[in-house]
Amino acid sequence: MDKVSQYERVFKRFDENGDGKISPAELRQCIEAIGDEKLSEKDAEAAVTILDSDGDGLVGFDDFVKFVEGVKEEDKVNDLKEAFKLYDMDGSGCITPRSLKRMLSRAIAFGV
């Protein structure tokens, strides 16, 4: 499976109504579906606003890809390893839904 296909698969999981955009409500639903944590409406709206390039209040596939690929390739591996260590709370080699929520909350707080 190539990179674009992987991005499309993940994007479609967030885009529950299939309109080609991720709304704040869809972002919240997806976060809640992967664990028992909740993302507030305010945090979901902030995340979408940060990623939305055309100002329509939604995250399109292009916005999603830009976000995912926004880091330079040579920095990606090191950054991912460091980020993973921060959110692998129990050292199990897995990021839990609780850790994911915490990561999204921090990203929103810092405007990432």
C-alpha atoms as a PDB file:
ATOM      1  CA  MET A   1       0.000   0.000   0.000  1.00  0.00           C
ATOM      2  CA  ASP A   2       1.493   3.345  -1.024  1.00  0.00           C
ATOM      3  CA  LYS A   3       1.591   6.480   1.136  1.00  0.00           C
ATOM      4  CA  VAL A   4      -1.349   8.223  -0.564  1.00  0.00           C
ATOM      5  CA  SER A   5      -3.551   5.137  -0.167  1.00  0.00           C
ATOM      6  CA  GLN A   6      -2.678   5.008   3.516  1.00  0.00           C
ATOM      7  CA  TYR A   7      -3.544   8.693   3.922  1.00  0.00           C
ATOM      8  CA  GLU A   8      -6.846   8.172   2.104  1.00  0.00           C
ATOM      9  CA  ARG A   9      -7.727   5.232   4.343  1.00  0.00           C
ATOM     10  CA  VAL A  10      -7.073   7.217   7.519  1.00  0.00           C
ATOM     11  CA  PHE A  11      -8.827  10.303   6.138  1.00  0.00           C
ATOM     12  CA  LYS A  12     -11.944   8.293   5.254  1.00  0.00           C
ATOM     13  CA  ARG A  13     -12.120   6.973   8.832  1.00  0.00           C
ATOM     14  CA  PHE A  14     -12.394  10.557  10.050  1.00  0.00           C
ATOM     15  CA  ASP A  15     -14.748  11.662   7.233  1.00  0.00           C
ATOM     16  CA  GLU A  16     -17.778   9.745   8.473  1.00  0.00           C
ATOM     17  CA  ASN A  17     -20.348  11.348   6.149  1.00  0.00           C
ATOM     18  CA  GLY A  18     -18.143  10.884   3.076  1.00  0.00           C
ATOM     19  CA  ASP A  19     -18.292  14.511   1.936  1.00  0.00           C
ATOM     20  CA  GLY A  20     -14.520  14.735   1.470  1.00  0.00           C
ATOM     21  CA  LYS A  21     -14.021  17.000   4.492  1.00  0.00           C
ATOM     22  CA  ILE A  22     -13.408  16.470   8.196  1.00  0.00           C
ATOM     23  CA  SER A  23     -15.589  18.618  10.429  1.00  0.00           C
ATOM     24  CA  PRO A  24     -14.919  19.356  14.094  1.00  0.00           C
ATOM     25  CA  ALA A  25     -17.794  16.998  14.982  1.00  0.00           C
ATOM     26  CA  GLU A  26     -16.274  14.197  12.894  1.00  0.00           C
ATOM     27  CA  LEU A  27     -12.903  14.757  14.539  1.00  0.00           C
ATOM     28  CA  ARG A  28     -14.539  14.485  17.962  1.00  0.00           C
ATOM     29  CA  GLN A  29     -16.442  11.324  17.007  1.00  0.00           C
ATOM     30  CA  CYS A  30     -13.307   9.648  15.732  1.00  0.00           C
ATOM     31  CA  ILE A  31     -11.340  10.447  18.885  1.00  0.00           C
ATOM     32  CA  GLU A  32     -14.187   9.122  21.033  1.00  0.00           C
ATOM     33  CA  ALA A  33     -14.475   5.973  18.887  1.00  0.00           C
ATOM     34  CA  ILE A  34     -10.837   5.003  19.405  1.00  0.00           C
ATOM     35  CA  GLY A  35     -11.014   5.252  23.186  1.00  0.00           C
ATOM     36  CA  ASP A  36     -12.874   6.396  26.241  1.00  0.00           C
ATOM     37  CA  GLU A  37     -11.469   9.913  26.053  1.00  0.00           C
ATOM     38  CA  LYS A  38     -13.368  12.919  24.763  1.00  0.00           C
ATOM     39  CA  LEU A  39     -12.161  15.911  22.770  1.00  0.00           C
ATOM     40  CA  SER A  40     -14.037  19.084  23.632  1.00  0.00           C
ATOM     41  CA  GLU A  41     -15.961  20.933  20.951  1.00  0.00           C
ATOM     42  CA  LYS A  42     -13.666  23.927  21.451  1.00  0.00           C
ATOM     43  CA  ASP A  43     -10.497  21.828  21.012  1.00  0.00           C
ATOM     44  CA  ALA A  44     -11.899  20.103  17.928  1.00  0.00           C
ATOM     45  CA  GLU A  45     -12.794  23.455  16.358  1.00  0.00           C
ATOM     46  CA  ALA A  46      -9.325  24.819  17.153  1.00  0.00           C
ATOM     47  CA  ALA A  47      -7.640  21.802  15.561  1.00  0.00           C
ATOM     48  CA  VAL A  48      -9.732  22.126  12.404  1.00  0.00           C
ATOM     49  CA  THR A  49      -9.074  25.882  12.224  1.00  0.00           C
ATOM     50  CA  ILE A  50      -5.329  25.281  12.395  1.00  0.00           C
ATOM     51  CA  LEU A  51      -5.406  22.724   9.571  1.00  0.00           C
ATOM     52  CA  ASP A  52      -8.016  24.419   7.331  1.00  0.00           C
ATOM     53  CA  SER A  53      -6.294  26.201   4.427  1.00  0.00           C
ATOM     54  CA  ASP A  54      -9.336  27.442   2.489  1.00  0.00           C
ATOM     55  CA  GLY A  55     -11.274  28.921   5.415  1.00  0.00           C
ATOM     56  CA  ASP A  56     -14.376  26.757   5.028  1.00  0.00           C
ATOM     57  CA  GLY A  57     -14.155  25.444   8.602  1.00  0.00           C
ATOM     58  CA  LEU A  58     -13.378  21.909   7.428  1.00  0.00           C
ATOM     59  CA  VAL A  59     -10.233  19.875   6.794  1.00  0.00           C
ATOM     60  CA  GLY A  60      -9.983  18.647   3.220  1.00  0.00           C
ATOM     61  CA  PHE A  61      -7.807  15.784   2.069  1.00  0.00           C
ATOM     62  CA  ASP A  62      -5.116  18.196   0.804  1.00  0.00           C
ATOM     63  CA  ASP A  63      -5.015  19.900   4.212  1.00  0.00           C
ATOM     64  CA  PHE A  64      -4.742  16.507   5.869  1.00  0.00           C
ATOM     65  CA  VAL A  65      -1.847  15.436   3.624  1.00  0.00           C
ATOM     66  CA  LYS A  66      -0.033  18.749   4.146  1.00  0.00           C
ATOM     67  CA  PHE A  67      -0.316  18.252   7.883  1.00  0.00           C
ATOM     68  CA  VAL A  68       0.954  14.676   7.737  1.00  0.00           C
ATOM     69  CA  GLU A  69       3.807  15.494   5.352  1.00  0.00           C
ATOM     70  CA  GLY A  70       4.618  18.911   6.759  1.00  0.00           C
ATOM     71  CA  VAL A  71       7.790  17.795   8.460  1.00  0.00           C
ATOM     72  CA  LYS A  72      10.982  17.426   6.428  1.00  0.00           C
ATOM     73  CA  GLU A  73      11.803  13.792   5.686  1.00  0.00           C
ATOM     74  CA  GLU A  74      15.185  13.804   7.453  1.00  0.00           C
ATOM     75  CA  ASP A  75      13.581  15.136  10.635  1.00  0.00           C
ATOM     76  CA  LYS A  76      10.551  12.867  10.484  1.00  0.00           C
ATOM     77  CA  VAL A  77      12.079   9.713  11.932  1.00  0.00           C
ATOM     78  CA  ASN A  78      13.780  11.471  14.833  1.00  0.00           C
ATOM     79  CA  ASP A  79      10.738  13.590  15.605  1.00  0.00           C
ATOM     80  CA  LEU A  80       8.432  10.591  15.493  1.00  0.00           C
ATOM     81  CA  LYS A  81      10.680   8.582  17.798  1.00  0.00           C
ATOM     82  CA  GLU A  82      10.846  11.425  20.294  1.00  0.00           C
ATOM     83  CA  ALA A  83       7.094  12.062  20.118  1.00  0.00           C
ATOM     84  CA  PHE A  84       6.378   8.370  20.500  1.00  0.00           C
ATOM     85  CA  LYS A  85       8.513   8.204  23.638  1.00  0.00           C
ATOM     86  CA  LEU A  86       6.553  11.091  25.149  1.00  0.00           C
ATOM     87  CA  TYR A  87       3.201   9.374  24.665  1.00  0.00           C
ATOM     88  CA  ASP A  88       4.139   5.759  25.291  1.00  0.00           C
ATOM     89  CA  MET A  89       3.041   6.200  28.892  1.00  0.00           C
ATOM     90  CA  ASP A  90       3.684   2.717  30.195  1.00  0.00           C
ATOM     91  CA  GLY A  91       6.593   1.740  27.941  1.00  0.00           C
ATOM     92  CA  SER A  92       4.512  -0.899  26.193  1.00  0.00           C
ATOM     93  CA  GLY A  93       5.386   0.250  22.682  1.00  0.00           C
ATOM     94  CA  CYS A  94       1.812   1.483  22.088  1.00  0.00           C
ATOM     95  CA  ILE A  95       0.105   4.862  22.129  1.00  0.00           C
ATOM     96  CA  THR A  96      -3.204   4.567  23.954  1.00  0.00           C
ATOM     97  CA  PRO A  97      -6.369   6.593  23.176  1.00  0.00           C
ATOM     98  CA  ARG A  98      -5.720   8.567  26.381  1.00  0.00           C
ATOM     99  CA  SER A  99      -2.205   9.398  25.152  1.00  0.00           C
ATOM    100  CA  LEU A 100      -3.566  10.435  21.752  1.00  0.00           C
ATOM    101  CA  LYS A 101      -6.046  12.816  23.340  1.00  0.00           C
ATOM    102  CA  ARG A 102      -3.309  14.316  25.490  1.00  0.00           C
ATOM    103  CA  MET A 103      -1.127  14.776  22.399  1.00  0.00           C
ATOM    104  CA  LEU A 104      -3.920  16.504  20.444  1.00  0.00           C
ATOM    105  CA  SER A 105      -4.702  18.773  23.407  1.00  0.00           C
ATOM    106  CA  ARG A 106      -1.064  19.851  23.640  1.00  0.00           C
ATOM    107  CA  ALA A 107      -0.834  20.447  19.880  1.00  0.00           C
ATOM    108  CA  ILE A 108      -3.925  22.625  20.010  1.00  0.00           C
ATOM    109  CA  ALA A 109      -2.627  24.538  23.036  1.00  0.00           C
ATOM    110  CA  PHE A 110       0.601  25.344  21.190  1.00  0.00           C
ATOM    111  CA  GLY A 111      -1.109  26.100  17.868  1.00  0.00           C
ATOM    112  CA  VAL A 112       0.535  23.211  16.022  1.00  0.00           C
END
